């Protein structure tokens, strides 16, 4: 199957190329549908980084084609400037080290700023779902 025969994969690739920062997630930034997506959104929001988001839940083919394209099996998947950064654990590690702010070209806030700005539960939400 050539790329032109796969409109879903073409649409995913187009979205990745169109947006400097794009997150493929379960749910939406306003209503994440899993703790990993919530934690990743929390990191991006704590950095005040603008990003596009795609909910993969409405159509299972989106997840299938995204994983085939990225060679990454889990959701969420964060792309910056067309490159896969990684999933929730990698994003969290990069956030903690300050590397995520560097990749996104934004300022890393101090710990106090993160606690003040983060919604209740902040970046720890996945711990409550274990």
Protein backbone atom coordinates (compact mmCIF):
# COMPACT_ATOMS: atom_id res chain seq x y z
CA UNK A 1 0.00 0.00 0.00
CA UNK A 2 1.50 3.33 -0.98
CA UNK A 3 1.10 6.43 1.16
CA UNK A 4 -1.50 7.83 -1.22
CA UNK A 5 -3.65 4.74 -0.58
CA UNK A 6 -3.81 5.44 3.14
CA UNK A 7 -5.74 8.66 3.86
CA UNK A 8 -5.62 8.22 7.64
CA UNK A 9 -1.84 7.85 7.70
CA UNK A 10 -1.56 10.78 5.27
CA UNK A 11 -3.75 12.93 7.54
CA UNK A 12 -1.65 12.01 10.60
CA UNK A 13 1.60 12.79 8.77
CA UNK A 14 0.11 16.07 7.55
CA UNK A 15 -0.95 17.06 11.07
CA UNK A 16 2.53 16.26 12.42
CA UNK A 17 4.09 18.43 9.70
CA UNK A 18 1.58 21.28 10.10
CA UNK A 19 1.97 21.76 13.86
CA UNK A 20 5.23 22.59 15.61
CA UNK A 21 4.00 20.76 18.73
CA UNK A 22 1.28 18.10 18.50
CA UNK A 23 0.11 15.55 21.04
CA UNK A 24 -1.77 12.41 20.07
CA UNK A 25 -3.66 11.44 23.20
CA UNK A 26 -6.65 9.67 24.68
CA UNK A 27 -9.29 12.35 25.16
CA UNK A 28 -8.74 16.08 24.88
CA UNK A 29 -6.52 18.50 26.83
CA UNK A 30 -9.66 19.69 28.66
CA UNK A 31 -10.79 16.13 29.42
CA UNK A 32 -7.96 13.57 29.18
CA UNK A 33 -9.25 9.99 29.10
CA UNK A 34 -6.24 8.39 30.80
CA UNK A 35 -3.68 9.32 33.41
CA UNK A 36 -0.77 9.16 30.99
CA UNK A 37 -2.43 11.64 28.64
CA UNK A 38 -3.36 13.84 31.61
CA UNK A 39 0.23 13.84 32.88
CA UNK A 40 1.61 14.75 29.44
CA UNK A 41 -0.92 17.57 29.00
CA UNK A 42 -0.04 18.75 32.52
CA UNK A 43 3.65 19.01 31.62
CA UNK A 44 2.90 21.00 28.46
CA UNK A 45 0.48 23.28 30.31
CA UNK A 46 2.91 23.81 33.20
CA UNK A 47 5.40 25.09 30.61
CA UNK A 48 2.69 27.24 29.02
CA UNK A 49 3.64 25.64 25.70
CA UNK A 50 1.09 25.96 22.89
CA UNK A 51 0.27 22.61 21.30
CA UNK A 52 -2.24 20.93 19.02
CA UNK A 53 -3.93 17.76 20.23
CA UNK A 54 -5.59 14.83 18.48
CA UNK A 55 -7.94 12.47 20.33
CA UNK A 56 -7.17 8.96 19.07
CA UNK A 57 -10.24 7.38 20.70
CA UNK A 58 -13.00 8.16 18.14
CA UNK A 59 -11.42 5.93 15.47
CA UNK A 60 -9.19 2.92 16.33
CA UNK A 61 -7.52 3.28 12.94
CA UNK A 62 -5.90 6.53 14.12
CA UNK A 63 -3.98 4.70 16.85
CA UNK A 64 -3.04 1.87 14.49
CA UNK A 65 -1.75 4.18 11.75
CA UNK A 66 -0.03 6.53 14.22
CA UNK A 67 1.88 3.65 15.80
CA UNK A 68 2.80 2.28 12.35
CA UNK A 69 4.06 5.72 11.31
CA UNK A 70 5.97 6.52 14.51
CA UNK A 71 7.11 2.99 15.36
CA UNK A 72 5.98 3.78 18.94
CA UNK A 73 3.30 1.49 20.44
CA UNK A 74 1.88 3.55 23.29
CA UNK A 75 -0.31 6.63 23.63
CA UNK A 76 0.21 9.53 24.23
CA UNK A 77 2.78 10.48 21.62
CA UNK A 78 4.31 13.95 21.56
CA UNK A 79 5.85 15.31 18.37
CA UNK A 80 7.92 18.50 18.19
CA UNK A 81 8.95 19.92 14.81
CA UNK A 82 7.95 16.69 13.09
CA UNK A 83 9.99 14.43 15.37
CA UNK A 84 8.63 11.98 17.93
CA UNK A 85 9.72 13.07 21.42
CA UNK A 86 8.09 10.11 23.16
CA UNK A 87 5.31 9.09 25.49
CA UNK A 88 4.27 10.03 29.02
CA UNK A 89 7.31 8.67 30.86
CA UNK A 90 9.83 10.28 28.51
CA UNK A 91 7.95 13.60 28.56
CA UNK A 92 7.85 13.51 32.40
CA UNK A 93 11.59 12.79 32.62
CA UNK A 94 12.34 15.56 30.13
CA UNK A 95 10.08 17.94 32.06
CA UNK A 96 11.84 17.16 35.34
CA UNK A 97 15.31 17.65 33.82
CA UNK A 98 14.38 20.87 31.99
CA UNK A 99 15.04 19.24 28.62
CA UNK A 100 11.38 19.49 27.56
CA UNK A 101 11.43 23.27 28.00
CA UNK A 102 14.59 23.41 25.87
CA UNK A 103 13.06 21.26 23.11
CA UNK A 104 9.92 23.40 23.13
CA UNK A 105 11.89 26.66 23.30
CA UNK A 106 10.11 27.87 26.45
CA UNK A 107 11.18 28.86 29.95
CA UNK A 108 11.29 26.15 32.62
CA UNK A 109 9.33 27.50 35.60
CA UNK A 110 10.58 26.91 39.13
CA UNK A 111 9.00 24.18 41.26
CA UNK A 112 6.83 26.73 43.10
CA UNK A 113 5.43 28.04 39.82
CA UNK A 114 4.47 24.54 38.74
CA UNK A 115 2.65 23.87 42.00
CA UNK A 116 0.81 27.20 41.83
CA UNK A 117 -0.21 26.93 38.17
CA UNK A 118 -0.98 23.23 37.91
CA UNK A 119 -4.55 22.03 38.35
CA UNK A 120 -5.36 19.98 41.44
CA UNK A 121 -3.33 16.80 41.26
CA UNK A 122 -0.92 18.41 38.79
CA UNK A 123 1.53 16.06 37.18
CA UNK A 124 0.94 13.31 39.75
CA UNK A 125 -2.45 12.22 38.40
CA UNK A 126 -1.23 8.86 37.08
CA UNK A 127 -0.24 7.78 40.60
CA UNK A 128 -3.88 7.77 41.67
CA UNK A 129 -4.83 5.43 38.82
CA UNK A 130 -2.28 2.71 39.59
